Each structure stands twice: as structure tokens, then as C-alpha cells.
Amino acid sequence: GCAGVDPHRVGNLAHAHRLVHHDLLERVHLAGLDAVRLAPEEDVAHCVVRCAAADLAPRHADTVARMDKELPPGKIADARLLIADMLAEGSLVPRDTPTALAFYDEVGRYGDPAVQIRLAKIFVNGWGVPQDAPKAAVQCRKALSLRKDYSPAELCLGYLNQSGLLGSDHGREAISWYEKAFKDGSPVAAYGLGVAYATGNGTKQDFGKA
């Protein structure tokens, strides 16, 4: 070893660096992927929550039937996406990944790239399925095939590459995706770039740029 260097201090610093890196990436994940969540109009949100709460047992068909009666046709797709999010995440209703996937598949037939990002979230988090980052990446790329320069998909690919979920030595690719996402209007991508510069992942460590 090097003279004058306390190996315990070096080990503690390395551990702290890993913790900070992990915390920063989690923040990017929460602010980025979860920002893709549907922001429905108030009447849609109230209808979904009220109809779902009325089902003491998870009778999703009854919930959908009530929504279809209460909402105009133009808002039914948004309502289905919101109930699918609730089912995927286990929010307000018991988690039911197969039913959530069925709802996503139904809405996805209309070419909405946000559906692919939701599917990516399921694979990233392992909600009712084995965690599978490569499958998440496939969904992100499919979203980009549906809508070029779709920043949520670019942000998702940045996170997957930066986090190490797709393997090591993907830092440079992560930066490339974050730069594209920032250019395409995602302020969260700037946070991902800050993580890269602060941790030296894929680039030279530079706290000034971070």
C-alpha cells in the first residue's frame, strides 16, 4: 500500500461514495421515471379513486364499468391508465400486475409511448414480475420508436445505464441519453448529468460541472 494512507479511511470513503451514488440515482429514478405518472384532470382522478374504493374486493371489471358510465369517451383511456398505475404499484388497491398489464396493452394499441415507460417501471422495480433491466430498456426503445425525441424514454435509458442495472461501464452511454433528454425538455436529466460529474461515472469527476 501507499505510505501514510489509512486503509480504513480509504475504505470508509469508498463506501460513502457508493452510498451517495446510490442515493443520487434513486432520486433520479423517483423524479424521472415516476414523473411519467399520468397527471389526469381532477374529474378523472376522482372518478377512478371513487370507483376503485367502491370495490371492497378487487373486482376490476366492475370498477371499469362504473368509470365508463361516469366519464365521457375522451377521458376513458386516461382513466384506464390511472387504474393500471394503481394496480401495478399497489396504490389504493391490491397489486395485480397481470390486470395492470392488460390495461396497459389495451391503451398501448393507440400508440401512446407513455405506456412503454410504465411497462419499463414494472420491470425496473420487479412489480409482480422478476426484475429485468434489459426488458425495461426494450420498452424504452419501443417508446422512442413510437415518438422520436421522447424525453421520458431517454431519461429512462440514462438511468438504466448509469445505475449499473445493464452492467458496468455504461456511464458514457448514460451521459449521452441524459444529454438528449435534457435537450428534449427534461429538467430531471440535468440531475442525472450532475450525478455523473459528481461521481465520475462515465466522465472525469468535476464538482464544478455537477
C-alpha atoms as a PDB file:
ATOM      1  CA  GLY A   1       0.000   0.000   0.000  1.00  0.00           C
ATOM      2  CA  CYS A   2       0.996   3.679  -0.066  1.00  0.00           C
ATOM      3  CA  ALA A   3       2.861   5.038   2.937  1.00  0.00           C
ATOM      4  CA  GLY A   4       0.816   7.332   5.153  1.00  0.00           C
ATOM      5  CA  VAL A   5      -2.559   6.197   3.805  1.00  0.00           C
ATOM      6  CA  ASP A   6      -5.046   4.826   6.316  1.00  0.00           C
ATOM      7  CA  PRO A   7      -6.699   1.850   4.574  1.00  0.00           C
ATOM      8  CA  HIS A   8      -9.707   2.066   6.905  1.00  0.00           C
ATOM      9  CA  ARG A   9     -10.251   5.713   5.954  1.00  0.00           C
ATOM     10  CA  VAL A  10      -9.956   4.864   2.259  1.00  0.00           C
ATOM     11  CA  GLY A  11     -12.456   2.037   2.691  1.00  0.00           C
ATOM     12  CA  ASN A  12     -14.880   4.304   4.527  1.00  0.00           C
ATOM     13  CA  LEU A  13     -14.626   6.965   1.827  1.00  0.00           C
ATOM     14  CA  ALA A  14     -15.239   4.388  -0.898  1.00  0.00           C
ATOM     15  CA  HIS A  15     -18.269   3.104   0.989  1.00  0.00           C
ATOM     16  CA  ALA A  16     -19.587   6.642   1.446  1.00  0.00           C
ATOM     17  CA  HIS A  17     -19.051   7.316  -2.268  1.00  0.00           C
ATOM     18  CA  ARG A  18     -21.116   4.241  -3.161  1.00  0.00           C
ATOM     19  CA  LEU A  19     -23.900   5.306  -0.783  1.00  0.00           C
ATOM     20  CA  VAL A  20     -24.013   8.829  -2.221  1.00  0.00           C
ATOM     21  CA  HIS A  21     -24.007   7.446  -5.764  1.00  0.00           C
ATOM     22  CA  HIS A  22     -26.864   5.069  -4.935  1.00  0.00           C
ATOM     23  CA  ASP A  23     -28.862   7.831  -3.222  1.00  0.00           C
ATOM     24  CA  LEU A  24     -28.437  10.198  -6.166  1.00  0.00           C
ATOM     25  CA  LEU A  25     -29.515   7.544  -8.626  1.00  0.00           C
ATOM     26  CA  GLU A  26     -32.579   6.726  -6.546  1.00  0.00           C
ATOM     27  CA  ARG A  27     -33.517  10.407  -6.618  1.00  0.00           C
ATOM     28  CA  VAL A  28     -33.174  10.448 -10.411  1.00  0.00           C
ATOM     29  CA  HIS A  29     -35.332   7.345 -10.590  1.00  0.00           C
ATOM     30  CA  LEU A  30     -38.042   8.833  -8.390  1.00  0.00           C
ATOM     31  CA  ALA A  31     -38.011  12.239 -10.057  1.00  0.00           C
ATOM     32  CA  GLY A  32     -37.616  10.869 -13.557  1.00  0.00           C
ATOM     33  CA  LEU A  33     -39.361   7.570 -14.139  1.00  0.00           C
ATOM     34  CA  ASP A  34     -42.072   8.339 -11.627  1.00  0.00           C
ATOM     35  CA  ALA A  35     -42.603  11.736 -13.258  1.00  0.00           C
ATOM     36  CA  VAL A  36     -44.075   9.819 -16.176  1.00  0.00           C
ATOM     37  CA  ARG A  37     -47.080   9.110 -13.992  1.00  0.00           C
ATOM     38  CA  LEU A  38     -50.328  10.278 -15.519  1.00  0.00           C
ATOM     39  CA  ALA A  39     -51.482  13.728 -14.387  1.00  0.00           C
ATOM     40  CA  PRO A  40     -55.210  13.362 -15.022  1.00  0.00           C
ATOM     41  CA  GLU A  41     -57.830  16.046 -14.859  1.00  0.00           C
ATOM     42  CA  GLU A  42     -59.485  16.269 -11.474  1.00  0.00           C
ATOM     43  CA  ASP A  43     -62.741  14.636 -12.543  1.00  0.00           C
ATOM     44  CA  VAL A  44     -60.874  11.628 -13.971  1.00  0.00           C
ATOM     45  CA  ALA A  45     -58.820  11.173 -10.803  1.00  0.00           C
ATOM     46  CA  HIS A  46     -61.845  11.478  -8.530  1.00  0.00           C
ATOM     47  CA  CYS A  47     -63.828   9.037 -10.625  1.00  0.00           C
ATOM     48  CA  VAL A  48     -61.082   6.420 -10.625  1.00  0.00           C
ATOM     49  CA  VAL A  49     -60.420   6.673  -6.902  1.00  0.00           C
ATOM     50  CA  ARG A  50     -64.115   6.652  -6.031  1.00  0.00           C
ATOM     51  CA  CYS A  51     -64.889   3.692  -8.290  1.00  0.00           C
ATOM     52  CA  ALA A  52     -61.875   1.712  -7.082  1.00  0.00           C
ATOM     53  CA  ALA A  53     -62.697   2.418  -3.429  1.00  0.00           C
ATOM     54  CA  ALA A  54     -66.241   1.139  -4.007  1.00  0.00           C
ATOM     55  CA  ASP A  55     -64.818  -2.310  -4.720  1.00  0.00           C
ATOM     56  CA  LEU A  56     -64.199  -3.884  -1.335  1.00  0.00           C
ATOM     57  CA  ALA A  57     -62.914  -6.878  -3.269  1.00  0.00           C
ATOM     58  CA  PRO A  58     -60.679  -6.405  -6.338  1.00  0.00           C
ATOM     59  CA  ARG A  59     -63.481  -6.590  -8.925  1.00  0.00           C
ATOM     60  CA  HIS A  60     -61.723  -4.564 -11.586  1.00  0.00           C
ATOM     61  CA  ALA A  61     -64.368  -5.205 -14.228  1.00  0.00           C
ATOM     62  CA  ASP A  62     -66.945  -3.509 -12.003  1.00  0.00           C
ATOM     63  CA  THR A  63     -64.607  -0.558 -11.491  1.00  0.00           C
ATOM     64  CA  VAL A  64     -64.128  -0.124 -15.236  1.00  0.00           C
ATOM     65  CA  ALA A  65     -67.853  -0.424 -15.887  1.00  0.00           C
ATOM     66  CA  ARG A  66     -68.557   2.376 -13.415  1.00  0.00           C
ATOM     67  CA  MET A  67     -65.841   4.572 -14.928  1.00  0.00           C
ATOM     68  CA  ASP A  68     -67.203   4.032 -18.421  1.00  0.00           C
ATOM     69  CA  LYS A  69     -70.626   5.231 -17.268  1.00  0.00           C
ATOM     70  CA  GLU A  70     -69.377   8.308 -15.407  1.00  0.00           C
ATOM     71  CA  LEU A  71     -66.751   9.625 -17.828  1.00  0.00           C
ATOM     72  CA  PRO A  72     -67.073  10.967 -21.366  1.00  0.00           C
ATOM     73  CA  PRO A  73     -65.441   8.787 -24.081  1.00  0.00           C
ATOM     74  CA  GLY A  74     -62.465  11.130 -24.475  1.00  0.00           C
ATOM     75  CA  LYS A  75     -61.356  10.552 -20.889  1.00  0.00           C
ATOM     76  CA  ILE A  76     -61.806   6.808 -20.582  1.00  0.00           C
ATOM     77  CA  ALA A  77     -58.282   5.986 -21.837  1.00  0.00           C
ATOM     78  CA  ASP A  78     -56.738   8.285 -19.215  1.00  0.00           C
ATOM     79  CA  ALA A  79     -58.838   6.622 -16.543  1.00  0.00           C
ATOM     80  CA  ARG A  80     -57.702   3.172 -17.659  1.00  0.00           C
ATOM     81  CA  LEU A  81     -54.078   4.266 -17.478  1.00  0.00           C
ATOM     82  CA  LEU A  82     -54.563   5.616 -13.983  1.00  0.00           C
ATOM     83  CA  ILE A  83     -56.228   2.449 -12.716  1.00  0.00           C
ATOM     84  CA  ALA A  84     -53.447   0.422 -14.364  1.00  0.00           C
ATOM     85  CA  ASP A  85     -50.875   2.528 -12.478  1.00  0.00           C
ATOM     86  CA  MET A  86     -52.718   1.856  -9.230  1.00  0.00           C
ATOM     87  CA  LEU A  87     -52.796  -1.883  -9.921  1.00  0.00           C
ATOM     88  CA  ALA A  88     -49.127  -2.002 -10.932  1.00  0.00           C
ATOM     89  CA  GLU A  89     -47.951  -0.080  -7.881  1.00  0.00           C
ATOM     90  CA  GLY A  90     -50.440  -1.488  -5.375  1.00  0.00           C
ATOM     91  CA  SER A  91     -51.703   2.001  -4.606  1.00  0.00           C
ATOM     92  CA  LEU A  92     -55.217   2.133  -3.024  1.00  0.00           C
ATOM     93  CA  VAL A  93     -55.948  -1.322  -4.442  1.00  0.00           C
ATOM     94  CA  PRO A  94     -54.145  -4.670  -4.085  1.00  0.00           C
ATOM     95  CA  ARG A  95     -51.294  -5.046  -6.560  1.00  0.00           C
ATOM     96  CA  ASP A  96     -52.383  -7.014  -9.614  1.00  0.00           C
ATOM     97  CA  THR A  97     -49.665  -6.975 -12.251  1.00  0.00           C
ATOM     98  CA  PRO A  98     -51.429  -9.199 -14.833  1.00  0.00           C
ATOM     99  CA  THR A  99     -54.507  -6.960 -14.826  1.00  0.00           C
ATOM    100  CA  ALA A 100     -52.336  -3.838 -14.972  1.00  0.00           C
ATOM    101  CA  LEU A 101     -50.509  -5.269 -17.984  1.00  0.00           C
ATOM    102  CA  ALA A 102     -53.827  -5.999 -19.672  1.00  0.00           C
ATOM    103  CA  PHE A 103     -54.929  -2.387 -19.198  1.00  0.00           C
ATOM    104  CA  TYR A 104     -51.594  -1.092 -20.495  1.00  0.00           C
ATOM    105  CA  ASP A 105     -51.858  -3.370 -23.501  1.00  0.00           C
ATOM    106  CA  GLU A 106     -55.337  -2.056 -24.275  1.00  0.00           C
ATOM    107  CA  VAL A 107     -54.291   1.595 -24.141  1.00  0.00           C
ATOM    108  CA  GLY A 108     -50.966   0.856 -25.840  1.00  0.00           C
ATOM    109  CA  ARG A 109     -52.766  -0.171 -29.026  1.00  0.00           C
ATOM    110  CA  TYR A 110     -53.296   3.529 -29.698  1.00  0.00           C
ATOM    111  CA  GLY A 111     -49.539   4.150 -29.822  1.00  0.00           C
ATOM    112  CA  ASP A 112     -49.098   6.070 -26.562  1.00  0.00           C
ATOM    113  CA  PRO A 113     -45.354   5.873 -25.664  1.00  0.00           C
ATOM    114  CA  ALA A 114     -46.132   6.582 -22.008  1.00  0.00           C
ATOM    115  CA  VAL A 115     -47.444   3.009 -21.789  1.00  0.00           C
ATOM    116  CA  GLN A 116     -43.985   1.670 -22.624  1.00  0.00           C
ATOM    117  CA  ILE A 117     -42.420   3.748 -19.854  1.00  0.00           C
ATOM    118  CA  ARG A 118     -44.932   2.338 -17.406  1.00  0.00           C
ATOM    119  CA  LEU A 119     -44.001  -1.176 -18.529  1.00  0.00           C
ATOM    120  CA  ALA A 120     -40.344  -0.275 -18.080  1.00  0.00           C
ATOM    121  CA  LYS A 121     -41.103   0.788 -14.489  1.00  0.00           C
ATOM    122  CA  ILE A 122     -42.686  -2.599 -13.809  1.00  0.00           C
ATOM    123  CA  PHE A 123     -39.538  -4.406 -14.983  1.00  0.00           C
ATOM    124  CA  VAL A 124     -37.174  -1.991 -13.209  1.00  0.00           C
ATOM    125  CA  ASN A 125     -38.968  -2.381  -9.885  1.00  0.00           C
ATOM    126  CA  GLY A 126     -39.903  -6.050 -10.234  1.00  0.00           C
ATOM    127  CA  TRP A 127     -43.587  -5.401  -9.545  1.00  0.00           C
ATOM    128  CA  GLY A 128     -45.172  -8.829  -9.817  1.00  0.00           C
ATOM    129  CA  VAL A 129     -42.507  -9.965 -12.302  1.00  0.00           C
ATOM    130  CA  PRO A 130     -38.783 -10.718 -11.976  1.00  0.00           C
ATOM    131  CA  GLN A 131     -36.694  -7.547 -12.085  1.00  0.00           C
ATOM    132  CA  ASP A 132     -35.371  -7.314 -15.630  1.00  0.00           C
ATOM    133  CA  ALA A 133     -33.479  -4.190 -16.681  1.00  0.00           C
ATOM    134  CA  PRO A 134     -32.866  -5.367 -20.283  1.00  0.00           C
ATOM    135  CA  LYS A 135     -36.629  -5.768 -20.785  1.00  0.00           C
ATOM    136  CA  ALA A 136     -37.117  -2.288 -19.338  1.00  0.00           C
ATOM    137  CA  ALA A 137     -34.613  -0.942 -21.855  1.00  0.00           C
ATOM    138  CA  VAL A 138     -36.510  -2.664 -24.680  1.00  0.00           C
ATOM    139  CA  GLN A 139     -39.678  -0.871 -23.615  1.00  0.00           C
ATOM    140  CA  CYS A 140     -37.868   2.480 -23.504  1.00  0.00           C
ATOM    141  CA  ARG A 141     -36.552   1.973 -27.023  1.00  0.00           C
ATOM    142  CA  LYS A 142     -40.009   0.961 -28.195  1.00  0.00           C
ATOM    143  CA  ALA A 143     -41.331   4.244 -26.787  1.00  0.00           C
ATOM    144  CA  LEU A 144     -38.725   6.093 -28.854  1.00  0.00           C
ATOM    145  CA  SER A 145     -39.835   4.187 -31.937  1.00  0.00           C
ATOM    146  CA  LEU A 146     -43.354   5.482 -31.313  1.00  0.00           C
ATOM    147  CA  ARG A 147     -42.286   9.060 -30.663  1.00  0.00           C
ATOM    148  CA  LYS A 148     -38.868  10.333 -31.643  1.00  0.00           C
ATOM    149  CA  ASP A 149     -37.084  12.500 -29.053  1.00  0.00           C
ATOM    150  CA  TYR A 150     -39.441  11.330 -26.281  1.00  0.00           C
ATOM    151  CA  SER A 151     -37.562  12.584 -23.230  1.00  0.00           C
ATOM    152  CA  PRO A 152     -39.062  10.181 -20.634  1.00  0.00           C
ATOM    153  CA  ALA A 153     -37.693   7.231 -22.627  1.00  0.00           C
ATOM    154  CA  GLU A 154     -34.294   8.907 -22.979  1.00  0.00           C
ATOM    155  CA  LEU A 155     -34.274   9.624 -19.251  1.00  0.00           C
ATOM    156  CA  CYS A 156     -35.185   6.008 -18.529  1.00  0.00           C
ATOM    157  CA  LEU A 157     -32.304   4.737 -20.672  1.00  0.00           C
ATOM    158  CA  GLY A 158     -29.961   7.179 -18.955  1.00  0.00           C
ATOM    159  CA  TYR A 159     -30.967   5.833 -15.563  1.00  0.00           C
ATOM    160  CA  LEU A 160     -30.699   2.183 -16.608  1.00  0.00           C
ATOM    161  CA  ASN A 161     -27.181   2.720 -17.950  1.00  0.00           C
ATOM    162  CA  GLN A 162     -25.993   4.905 -15.084  1.00  0.00           C
ATOM    163  CA  SER A 163     -27.355   2.682 -12.320  1.00  0.00           C
ATOM    164  CA  GLY A 164     -25.402  -0.371 -13.445  1.00  0.00           C
ATOM    165  CA  LEU A 165     -28.592  -2.362 -13.952  1.00  0.00           C
ATOM    166  CA  LEU A 166     -27.478  -3.070 -17.523  1.00  0.00           C
ATOM    167  CA  GLY A 167     -23.938  -3.914 -16.441  1.00  0.00           C
ATOM    168  CA  SER A 168     -20.830  -1.928 -15.632  1.00  0.00           C
ATOM    169  CA  ASP A 169     -19.024   0.576 -17.864  1.00  0.00           C
ATOM    170  CA  HIS A 170     -22.188   2.148 -19.269  1.00  0.00           C
ATOM    171  CA  GLY A 171     -21.512   5.577 -17.802  1.00  0.00           C
ATOM    172  CA  ARG A 172     -20.719   7.271 -21.100  1.00  0.00           C
ATOM    173  CA  GLU A 173     -23.868   5.935 -22.705  1.00  0.00           C
ATOM    174  CA  ALA A 174     -25.864   7.178 -19.721  1.00  0.00           C
ATOM    175  CA  ILE A 175     -24.469  10.683 -20.198  1.00  0.00           C
ATOM    176  CA  SER A 176     -25.395  10.570 -23.883  1.00  0.00           C
ATOM    177  CA  TRP A 177     -29.002   9.703 -23.048  1.00  0.00           C
ATOM    178  CA  TYR A 178     -29.219  12.333 -20.317  1.00  0.00           C
ATOM    179  CA  GLU A 179     -27.896  14.984 -22.711  1.00  0.00           C
ATOM    180  CA  LYS A 180     -30.548  14.016 -25.269  1.00  0.00           C
ATOM    181  CA  ALA A 181     -33.291  14.069 -22.628  1.00  0.00           C
ATOM    182  CA  PHE A 182     -32.210  17.491 -21.402  1.00  0.00           C
ATOM    183  CA  LYS A 183     -32.164  18.818 -24.958  1.00  0.00           C
ATOM    184  CA  ASP A 184     -35.661  17.406 -25.451  1.00  0.00           C
ATOM    185  CA  GLY A 185     -37.038  19.228 -22.428  1.00  0.00           C
ATOM    186  CA  SER A 186     -36.450  17.080 -19.327  1.00  0.00           C
ATOM    187  CA  PRO A 187     -35.035  19.154 -16.440  1.00  0.00           C
ATOM    188  CA  VAL A 188     -34.574  15.932 -14.451  1.00  0.00           C
ATOM    189  CA  ALA A 189     -31.891  14.915 -16.947  1.00  0.00           C
ATOM    190  CA  ALA A 190     -29.717  17.735 -15.593  1.00  0.00           C
ATOM    191  CA  TYR A 191     -29.821  15.942 -12.245  1.00  0.00           C
ATOM    192  CA  GLY A 192     -28.631  12.745 -13.892  1.00  0.00           C
ATOM    193  CA  LEU A 193     -25.765  14.631 -15.512  1.00  0.00           C
ATOM    194  CA  GLY A 194     -24.939  16.117 -12.117  1.00  0.00           C
ATOM    195  CA  VAL A 195     -24.744  12.605 -10.676  1.00  0.00           C
ATOM    196  CA  ALA A 196     -22.328  11.610 -13.442  1.00  0.00           C
ATOM    197  CA  TYR A 197     -19.996  14.539 -12.806  1.00  0.00           C
ATOM    198  CA  ALA A 198     -20.239  14.254  -9.011  1.00  0.00           C
ATOM    199  CA  THR A 199     -19.391  10.550  -9.011  1.00  0.00           C
ATOM    200  CA  GLY A 200     -17.106  10.405 -12.048  1.00  0.00           C
ATOM    201  CA  ASN A 201     -19.306   7.778 -13.662  1.00  0.00           C
ATOM    202  CA  GLY A 202     -18.563   7.825 -17.395  1.00  0.00           C
ATOM    203  CA  THR A 203     -16.616  11.063 -17.232  1.00  0.00           C
ATOM    204  CA  LYS A 204     -13.932  12.834 -15.271  1.00  0.00           C
ATOM    205  CA  GLN A 205     -15.153  13.801 -11.812  1.00  0.00           C
ATOM    206  CA  ASP A 206     -15.917  17.507 -11.811  1.00  0.00           C
ATOM    207  CA  PHE A 207     -17.811  19.022  -8.873  1.00  0.00           C
ATOM    208  CA  GLY A 208     -17.951  22.380 -10.626  1.00  0.00           C
ATOM    209  CA  LYS A 209     -19.941  20.935 -13.525  1.00  0.00           C
ATOM    210  CA  ALA A 210     -22.010  18.849 -11.119  1.00  0.00           C
END
